[in-house]
Amino acid sequence: MIFANGGTGEHQGTAHLTGFVGFFLTLEGIFWLLFSQNLDAQGPSRPWPFALGTMTTFLALSQTVTALIQEFLVGFAAAQAADPGIPASGHRLVPFEALGQIPFLILLSLGGAIWVLVTYAAPLITAICSPVRGGQRWVFAVYYCAFQIPICWAYASAWRLQYVPPDQPTNMLSLFAFQFIQPLLWLR
């Protein structure tokens, strides 16, 4: 569910969308991976469906990373902002103010690195190392873009609904371009 500005669950709209997209990409990745294991004249495994299933699974992982890390960062920022001081038990291990922004930056850095690896590096390595040979590897790029472009457009639309006031003009192409570097948007 995508929430408009100021609504209940304001920070959960894009996280719900990424979870939803990740779930369906996982189903498609499983389909391709299972389809690649059919025994036929080519042998026990088919290279095309296996490579497509692997790429789809990596895209699903990138959506999962986006949903989880964004929620962790929002939750951490909310906990840090609402820190009441001493908890009811009378003690805590390390106060939030002593940690500063270090946990936030570590989570952002690690999540961003993992996101880049599963969104861009892993599908590229899958296409390069695929047993599919010859000049047909361009199909992998088309397949990847056929998923990534509509997904990024949907996220740009959701981000606009969630964070941009309705009366403010919006450049959708800029929001769309930022979706290709999503970890920068996790700071919002």
Protein backbone atom coordinates (compact mmCIF):
# COMPACT_ATOMS: atom_id res chain seq x y z
CA MET A 1 0.00 0.00 0.00
CA ILE A 2 1.37 3.41 -0.94
CA PHE A 3 0.62 6.19 1.51
CA ALA A 4 0.33 9.86 0.59
CA ASN A 5 2.23 12.59 2.40
CA GLY A 6 1.52 12.87 6.07
CA GLY A 7 -0.59 9.71 6.23
CA THR A 8 -0.21 6.94 8.72
CA GLY A 9 2.76 4.78 7.83
CA GLU A 10 4.32 7.54 5.75
CA HIS A 11 7.70 5.84 5.50
CA GLN A 12 6.34 2.41 4.66
CA GLY A 13 4.91 3.02 1.19
CA THR A 14 8.03 2.39 -0.85
CA ALA A 15 9.12 -0.44 1.48
CA HIS A 16 5.81 -2.22 0.88
CA LEU A 17 6.18 -1.74 -2.88
CA THR A 18 9.73 -3.13 -2.89
CA GLY A 19 8.62 -6.11 -0.81
CA PHE A 20 5.75 -6.77 -3.21
CA VAL A 21 7.97 -6.51 -6.30
CA GLY A 22 10.67 -8.63 -4.66
CA PHE A 23 8.16 -11.37 -3.87
CA PHE A 24 6.96 -11.62 -7.47
CA LEU A 25 10.49 -11.48 -8.85
CA THR A 26 11.36 -14.35 -6.50
CA LEU A 27 8.49 -16.40 -7.89
CA GLU A 28 9.62 -15.75 -11.45
CA GLY A 29 13.23 -16.56 -10.58
CA ILE A 30 12.14 -19.86 -9.02
CA PHE A 31 10.10 -20.63 -12.13
CA TRP A 32 13.09 -20.10 -14.43
CA LEU A 33 15.45 -22.04 -12.16
CA LEU A 34 13.06 -24.99 -11.95
CA PHE A 35 12.41 -24.85 -15.69
CA SER A 36 16.16 -25.01 -16.31
CA GLN A 37 16.35 -28.35 -14.51
CA ASN A 38 14.09 -30.26 -16.91
CA LEU A 39 15.78 -33.26 -18.45
CA ASP A 40 15.66 -33.17 -22.22
CA ALA A 41 17.87 -33.64 -25.28
CA GLN A 42 20.13 -30.76 -24.14
CA GLY A 43 20.94 -32.60 -20.91
CA PRO A 44 20.01 -32.15 -17.26
CA SER A 45 20.16 -28.35 -17.33
CA ARG A 46 19.25 -25.64 -19.81
CA PRO A 47 21.60 -22.65 -19.88
CA TRP A 48 19.11 -19.97 -20.97
CA PRO A 49 16.48 -20.49 -18.25
CA PHE A 50 19.18 -20.98 -15.63
CA ALA A 51 20.84 -17.65 -16.47
CA LEU A 52 17.47 -15.84 -16.60
CA GLY A 53 16.44 -17.39 -13.28
CA THR A 54 19.71 -16.36 -11.68
CA MET A 55 19.38 -12.77 -12.93
CA THR A 56 15.77 -12.57 -11.75
CA THR A 57 16.72 -13.90 -8.34
CA PHE A 58 19.42 -11.24 -8.02
CA LEU A 59 16.85 -8.56 -8.90
CA ALA A 60 14.55 -9.98 -6.22
CA LEU A 61 17.39 -9.81 -3.70
CA SER A 62 18.01 -6.17 -4.57
CA GLN A 63 14.35 -5.39 -3.83
CA THR A 64 14.62 -7.20 -0.51
CA VAL A 65 17.74 -5.25 0.41
CA THR A 66 15.99 -1.98 -0.47
CA ALA A 67 12.92 -2.81 1.62
CA LEU A 68 14.85 -4.03 4.67
CA ILE A 69 17.60 -1.44 4.79
CA GLN A 70 15.22 1.45 4.19
CA GLU A 71 13.00 0.23 7.05
CA PHE A 72 16.02 -0.25 9.34
CA LEU A 73 17.30 3.25 8.57
CA VAL A 74 13.88 4.84 9.14
CA GLY A 75 13.44 2.83 12.35
CA PHE A 76 16.90 3.73 13.58
CA ALA A 77 16.35 7.42 12.88
CA ALA A 78 12.96 7.30 14.65
CA ALA A 79 14.44 5.51 17.67
CA GLN A 80 17.29 7.98 17.84
CA ALA A 81 14.91 10.95 17.60
CA ALA A 82 12.53 9.56 20.22
CA ASP A 83 15.24 8.46 22.68
CA PRO A 84 13.69 9.27 26.08
CA GLY A 85 16.91 8.99 28.01
CA ILE A 86 17.12 6.28 30.67
CA PRO A 87 14.76 3.34 29.95
CA ALA A 88 12.38 1.93 32.57
CA SER A 89 14.95 -0.69 33.61
CA GLY A 90 17.24 2.16 34.71
CA HIS A 91 20.21 1.27 32.49
CA ARG A 92 21.20 0.59 28.93
CA LEU A 93 24.36 -0.62 27.32
CA VAL A 94 25.17 2.38 25.10
CA PRO A 95 23.06 5.52 24.81
CA PHE A 96 22.05 6.59 21.32
CA GLU A 97 23.69 9.99 21.69
CA ALA A 98 27.05 8.33 22.39
CA LEU A 99 26.86 6.38 19.14
CA GLY A 100 26.06 9.39 16.99
CA GLN A 101 25.58 8.59 13.32
CA ILE A 102 28.04 5.68 13.23
CA PRO A 103 25.49 2.79 13.21
CA PHE A 104 23.40 4.67 10.65
CA LEU A 105 26.39 5.16 8.35
CA ILE A 106 27.57 1.55 8.75
CA LEU A 107 24.12 0.23 7.89
CA LEU A 108 23.84 2.60 4.93
CA SER A 109 27.32 1.68 3.64
CA LEU A 110 26.90 -2.07 3.98
CA GLY A 111 23.36 -2.03 2.59
CA GLY A 112 24.43 0.18 -0.31
CA ALA A 113 27.37 -2.06 -1.15
CA ILE A 114 25.20 -5.18 -1.06
CA TRP A 115 22.54 -3.43 -3.15
CA VAL A 116 25.07 -2.46 -5.85
CA LEU A 117 26.46 -6.00 -5.91
CA VAL A 118 23.10 -7.76 -6.30
CA THR A 119 21.57 -5.12 -8.57
CA TYR A 120 24.39 -4.56 -11.04
CA ALA A 121 27.49 -6.72 -10.46
CA ALA A 122 25.81 -10.11 -9.97
CA PRO A 123 23.56 -9.93 -13.08
CA LEU A 124 26.51 -8.73 -15.16
CA ILE A 125 28.69 -11.58 -13.92
CA THR A 126 25.83 -14.01 -14.59
CA ALA A 127 25.55 -12.80 -18.18
CA ILE A 128 29.32 -12.94 -18.75
CA CYS A 129 29.85 -16.34 -17.12
CA SER A 130 26.73 -17.92 -18.59
CA PRO A 131 27.20 -21.10 -20.60
CA VAL A 132 25.31 -19.34 -23.40
CA ARG A 133 27.90 -18.54 -26.03
CA GLY A 134 28.05 -16.40 -29.11
CA GLY A 135 26.43 -13.09 -29.93
CA GLN A 136 23.20 -13.94 -28.13
CA ARG A 137 24.16 -12.53 -24.73
CA TRP A 138 22.49 -9.22 -25.58
CA VAL A 139 19.23 -10.98 -24.70
CA PHE A 140 20.31 -10.86 -21.04
CA ALA A 141 20.64 -7.08 -21.18
CA VAL A 142 17.21 -6.77 -22.77
CA TYR A 143 15.72 -9.10 -20.15
CA TYR A 144 17.36 -7.16 -17.31
CA CYS A 145 16.20 -3.79 -18.66
CA ALA A 146 12.69 -5.15 -19.28
CA PHE A 147 12.41 -5.62 -15.51
CA GLN A 148 14.62 -2.85 -14.13
CA ILE A 149 13.15 0.08 -16.10
CA PRO A 150 9.46 -0.46 -15.16
CA ILE A 151 10.45 -1.25 -11.57
CA CYS A 152 12.41 2.01 -11.29
CA TRP A 153 9.54 3.95 -12.87
CA ALA A 154 7.09 2.48 -10.35
CA TYR A 155 9.43 3.37 -7.48
CA ALA A 156 9.84 6.91 -8.81
CA SER A 157 6.05 7.28 -8.89
CA ALA A 158 5.71 5.86 -5.38
CA TRP A 159 8.51 8.09 -4.10
CA ARG A 160 6.82 11.14 -5.62
CA LEU A 161 3.50 10.24 -3.97
CA GLN A 162 5.17 9.62 -0.64
CA TYR A 163 7.62 12.51 -0.36
CA VAL A 164 6.70 15.29 -2.79
CA PRO A 165 3.80 17.60 -1.88
CA PRO A 166 0.99 17.49 -4.47
CA ASP A 167 1.27 21.22 -5.26
CA GLN A 168 5.02 21.05 -5.94
CA PRO A 169 6.12 20.48 -9.57
CA THR A 170 8.10 17.29 -10.02
CA ASN A 171 10.57 16.19 -12.65
CA MET A 172 9.72 12.49 -12.98
CA LEU A 173 12.81 11.83 -15.10
CA SER A 174 15.05 12.98 -12.24
CA LEU A 175 13.19 10.78 -9.76
CA PHE A 176 13.42 7.92 -12.26
CA ALA A 177 17.19 8.40 -12.64
CA PHE A 178 17.67 8.44 -8.86
CA GLN A 179 16.05 5.00 -8.65
CA PHE A 180 19.11 3.54 -10.33
CA ILE A 181 21.14 4.70 -7.31
CA GLN A 182 18.54 3.85 -4.67
CA PRO A 183 20.85 3.85 -1.62
CA LEU A 184 21.01 7.64 -1.92
CA LEU A 185 17.24 7.74 -1.53
CA TRP A 186 17.42 5.69 1.68
CA LEU A 187 18.63 8.85 3.40
CA ARG A 188 15.18 10.40 3.02
